[in-house]
């Protein structure tokens, strides 16, 4: 789990690391209700930019990155456990002040996530 600084603000916090297939990790956003932007990359083809609202009633935007290869990078308004999302996808989830990233791409991915809070 990755967390924000001592002010409870995650703006500018990022994660970078190797994530095995069919696993997930979470980022604590520091507030029960959090709105902002999340940028995620895995290698050179999987990438996405999403508007997020992690709250008791969460919401996410569609992938704002419009390239042809990003169809398997999606966001959902729920937590993720490692096998929650669709097989073959890199999935970003939000729920109750938490951001979740799940790798179901079929192999290990070097994933980077940047979160900017409003």
C-alpha atoms as a PDB file:
ATOM      1  CA  UNK A   1       0.000   0.000   0.000  1.00  0.00           C
ATOM      2  CA  UNK A   2       1.203   3.473  -0.894  1.00  0.00           C
ATOM      3  CA  UNK A   3       0.075   6.590   0.987  1.00  0.00           C
ATOM      4  CA  UNK A   4       0.159  10.363   0.842  1.00  0.00           C
ATOM      5  CA  UNK A   5       2.290  12.731   2.876  1.00  0.00           C
ATOM      6  CA  UNK A   6       1.647  13.769   6.476  1.00  0.00           C
ATOM      7  CA  UNK A   7      -0.952  16.373   5.428  1.00  0.00           C
ATOM      8  CA  UNK A   8      -3.308  13.685   4.153  1.00  0.00           C
ATOM      9  CA  UNK A   9      -2.883  14.981   0.604  1.00  0.00           C
ATOM     10  CA  UNK A  10      -1.781  12.608  -2.130  1.00  0.00           C
ATOM     11  CA  UNK A  11      -1.149  15.238  -4.837  1.00  0.00           C
ATOM     12  CA  UNK A  12       2.027  14.289  -6.652  1.00  0.00           C
ATOM     13  CA  UNK A  13       2.400  10.878  -4.982  1.00  0.00           C
ATOM     14  CA  UNK A  14       3.325   8.076  -7.315  1.00  0.00           C
ATOM     15  CA  UNK A  15       4.010   4.347  -7.372  1.00  0.00           C
ATOM     16  CA  UNK A  16       6.456   2.586  -9.648  1.00  0.00           C
ATOM     17  CA  UNK A  17       7.160  -1.116  -9.502  1.00  0.00           C
ATOM     18  CA  UNK A  18       6.833  -4.596 -10.892  1.00  0.00           C
ATOM     19  CA  UNK A  19       3.367  -6.154 -10.525  1.00  0.00           C
ATOM     20  CA  UNK A  20       2.704  -9.843 -11.189  1.00  0.00           C
ATOM     21  CA  UNK A  21      -0.207 -11.017 -13.326  1.00  0.00           C
ATOM     22  CA  UNK A  22      -3.515 -11.489 -11.469  1.00  0.00           C
ATOM     23  CA  UNK A  23      -2.488  -9.279  -8.543  1.00  0.00           C
ATOM     24  CA  UNK A  24      -3.577  -5.859  -7.330  1.00  0.00           C
ATOM     25  CA  UNK A  25      -2.234  -3.097  -5.097  1.00  0.00           C
ATOM     26  CA  UNK A  26      -3.859  -0.050  -3.535  1.00  0.00           C
ATOM     27  CA  UNK A  27      -2.981   3.595  -2.968  1.00  0.00           C
ATOM     28  CA  UNK A  28      -4.425   5.340   0.090  1.00  0.00           C
ATOM     29  CA  UNK A  29      -5.647   8.727  -1.090  1.00  0.00           C
ATOM     30  CA  UNK A  30      -5.677  10.328   2.353  1.00  0.00           C
ATOM     31  CA  UNK A  31      -9.339  11.352   2.426  1.00  0.00           C
ATOM     32  CA  UNK A  32     -12.622   9.440   2.549  1.00  0.00           C
ATOM     33  CA  UNK A  33     -13.797  11.502  -0.411  1.00  0.00           C
ATOM     34  CA  UNK A  34     -11.120  12.257  -3.005  1.00  0.00           C
ATOM     35  CA  UNK A  35     -11.399  13.804  -6.466  1.00  0.00           C
ATOM     36  CA  UNK A  36      -8.545  14.138  -8.910  1.00  0.00           C
ATOM     37  CA  UNK A  37      -6.689  12.627 -11.836  1.00  0.00           C
ATOM     38  CA  UNK A  38      -4.823   9.333 -12.094  1.00  0.00           C
ATOM     39  CA  UNK A  39      -2.251   8.586 -14.787  1.00  0.00           C
ATOM     40  CA  UNK A  40      -1.198   4.951 -15.238  1.00  0.00           C
ATOM     41  CA  UNK A  41       1.353   3.307 -17.529  1.00  0.00           C
ATOM     42  CA  UNK A  42       2.594  -0.249 -17.956  1.00  0.00           C
ATOM     43  CA  UNK A  43       5.298  -0.611 -20.559  1.00  0.00           C
ATOM     44  CA  UNK A  44       4.889   1.417 -23.731  1.00  0.00           C
ATOM     45  CA  UNK A  45       1.451   0.296 -24.887  1.00  0.00           C
ATOM     46  CA  UNK A  46      -0.748   0.194 -21.782  1.00  0.00           C
ATOM     47  CA  UNK A  47      -1.517   3.696 -20.535  1.00  0.00           C
ATOM     48  CA  UNK A  48      -4.431   5.760 -19.359  1.00  0.00           C
ATOM     49  CA  UNK A  49      -5.516   9.073 -17.910  1.00  0.00           C
ATOM     50  CA  UNK A  50      -8.657   9.026 -15.765  1.00  0.00           C
ATOM     51  CA  UNK A  51     -10.713  11.464 -13.748  1.00  0.00           C
ATOM     52  CA  UNK A  52     -11.484   9.776 -10.439  1.00  0.00           C
ATOM     53  CA  UNK A  53     -13.767  10.276  -7.460  1.00  0.00           C
ATOM     54  CA  UNK A  54     -12.992   7.837  -4.673  1.00  0.00           C
ATOM     55  CA  UNK A  55     -15.939   8.133  -2.301  1.00  0.00           C
ATOM     56  CA  UNK A  56     -18.772   6.003  -0.886  1.00  0.00           C
ATOM     57  CA  UNK A  57     -20.407   6.608  -4.296  1.00  0.00           C
ATOM     58  CA  UNK A  58     -17.309   6.403  -6.529  1.00  0.00           C
ATOM     59  CA  UNK A  59     -17.012   7.380 -10.174  1.00  0.00           C
ATOM     60  CA  UNK A  60     -14.395   7.256 -12.924  1.00  0.00           C
ATOM     61  CA  UNK A  61     -14.117   8.719 -16.393  1.00  0.00           C
ATOM     62  CA  UNK A  62     -13.452   6.799 -19.571  1.00  0.00           C
ATOM     63  CA  UNK A  63      -9.781   6.566 -20.572  1.00  0.00           C
ATOM     64  CA  UNK A  64      -8.843  10.074 -21.773  1.00  0.00           C
ATOM     65  CA  UNK A  65      -5.881   8.684 -23.713  1.00  0.00           C
ATOM     66  CA  UNK A  66      -7.179   8.180 -27.240  1.00  0.00           C
ATOM     67  CA  UNK A  67      -4.510   5.994 -28.890  1.00  0.00           C
ATOM     68  CA  UNK A  68      -5.450   2.743 -30.623  1.00  0.00           C
ATOM     69  CA  UNK A  69      -3.541   0.456 -28.207  1.00  0.00           C
ATOM     70  CA  UNK A  70      -5.179   1.491 -24.909  1.00  0.00           C
ATOM     71  CA  UNK A  71      -8.413  -0.493 -25.226  1.00  0.00           C
ATOM     72  CA  UNK A  72      -7.309  -2.861 -22.436  1.00  0.00           C
ATOM     73  CA  UNK A  73      -6.668  -0.067 -19.894  1.00  0.00           C
ATOM     74  CA  UNK A  74      -9.932   0.621 -18.086  1.00  0.00           C
ATOM     75  CA  UNK A  75     -11.274   2.091 -14.846  1.00  0.00           C
ATOM     76  CA  UNK A  76     -14.109   0.895 -12.623  1.00  0.00           C
ATOM     77  CA  UNK A  77     -15.919   2.310  -9.607  1.00  0.00           C
ATOM     78  CA  UNK A  78     -15.055  -0.500  -7.169  1.00  0.00           C
ATOM     79  CA  UNK A  79     -12.141  -2.009  -5.281  1.00  0.00           C
ATOM     80  CA  UNK A  80     -10.005  -4.678  -6.995  1.00  0.00           C
ATOM     81  CA  UNK A  81      -8.545  -7.876  -5.563  1.00  0.00           C
ATOM     82  CA  UNK A  82      -6.326  -9.302  -8.305  1.00  0.00           C
ATOM     83  CA  UNK A  83      -8.910 -11.205 -10.322  1.00  0.00           C
ATOM     84  CA  UNK A  84     -11.873  -8.812 -10.187  1.00  0.00           C
ATOM     85  CA  UNK A  85     -11.494  -7.185 -13.601  1.00  0.00           C
ATOM     86  CA  UNK A  86     -11.546  -8.643 -17.092  1.00  0.00           C
ATOM     87  CA  UNK A  87      -8.707 -10.998 -18.012  1.00  0.00           C
ATOM     88  CA  UNK A  88      -6.287  -9.247 -20.384  1.00  0.00           C
ATOM     89  CA  UNK A  89      -6.871  -5.786 -18.888  1.00  0.00           C
ATOM     90  CA  UNK A  90      -4.939  -3.364 -16.736  1.00  0.00           C
ATOM     91  CA  UNK A  91      -7.685  -2.001 -14.463  1.00  0.00           C
ATOM     92  CA  UNK A  92      -7.787   1.031 -12.190  1.00  0.00           C
ATOM     93  CA  UNK A  93     -10.481   1.049  -9.480  1.00  0.00           C
ATOM     94  CA  UNK A  94     -11.673   3.606  -6.919  1.00  0.00           C
ATOM     95  CA  UNK A  95     -13.681   3.155  -3.728  1.00  0.00           C
ATOM     96  CA  UNK A  96     -13.930   4.977  -0.349  1.00  0.00           C
ATOM     97  CA  UNK A  97     -10.722   7.039  -0.522  1.00  0.00           C
ATOM     98  CA  UNK A  98      -8.668   4.265  -2.137  1.00  0.00           C
ATOM     99  CA  UNK A  99      -7.223   3.746  -5.598  1.00  0.00           C
ATOM    100  CA  UNK A 100      -6.647   0.162  -6.767  1.00  0.00           C
ATOM    101  CA  UNK A 101      -4.552  -1.123  -9.667  1.00  0.00           C
ATOM    102  CA  UNK A 102      -5.007  -4.645 -10.983  1.00  0.00           C
ATOM    103  CA  UNK A 103      -2.779  -6.395 -13.518  1.00  0.00           C
ATOM    104  CA  UNK A 104      -4.591  -9.060 -15.554  1.00  0.00           C
ATOM    105  CA  UNK A 105      -2.544  -8.551 -18.733  1.00  0.00           C
ATOM    106  CA  UNK A 106      -1.123 -12.073 -18.787  1.00  0.00           C
ATOM    107  CA  UNK A 107       2.362 -11.286 -17.492  1.00  0.00           C
ATOM    108  CA  UNK A 108       4.445  -9.193 -15.105  1.00  0.00           C
ATOM    109  CA  UNK A 109       4.159  -5.445 -15.786  1.00  0.00           C
ATOM    110  CA  UNK A 110       6.326  -2.533 -14.664  1.00  0.00           C
ATOM    111  CA  UNK A 111       3.551  -0.154 -13.617  1.00  0.00           C
ATOM    112  CA  UNK A 112       3.730   3.550 -12.821  1.00  0.00           C
ATOM    113  CA  UNK A 113       0.851   5.480 -11.260  1.00  0.00           C
ATOM    114  CA  UNK A 114       0.694   9.221 -10.594  1.00  0.00           C
ATOM    115  CA  UNK A 115      -2.224  10.710  -8.662  1.00  0.00           C
ATOM    116  CA  UNK A 116      -3.003  14.428  -8.518  1.00  0.00           C
ATOM    117  CA  UNK A 117      -5.666  15.589  -6.095  1.00  0.00           C
ATOM    118  CA  UNK A 118      -8.088  18.433  -6.373  1.00  0.00           C
END
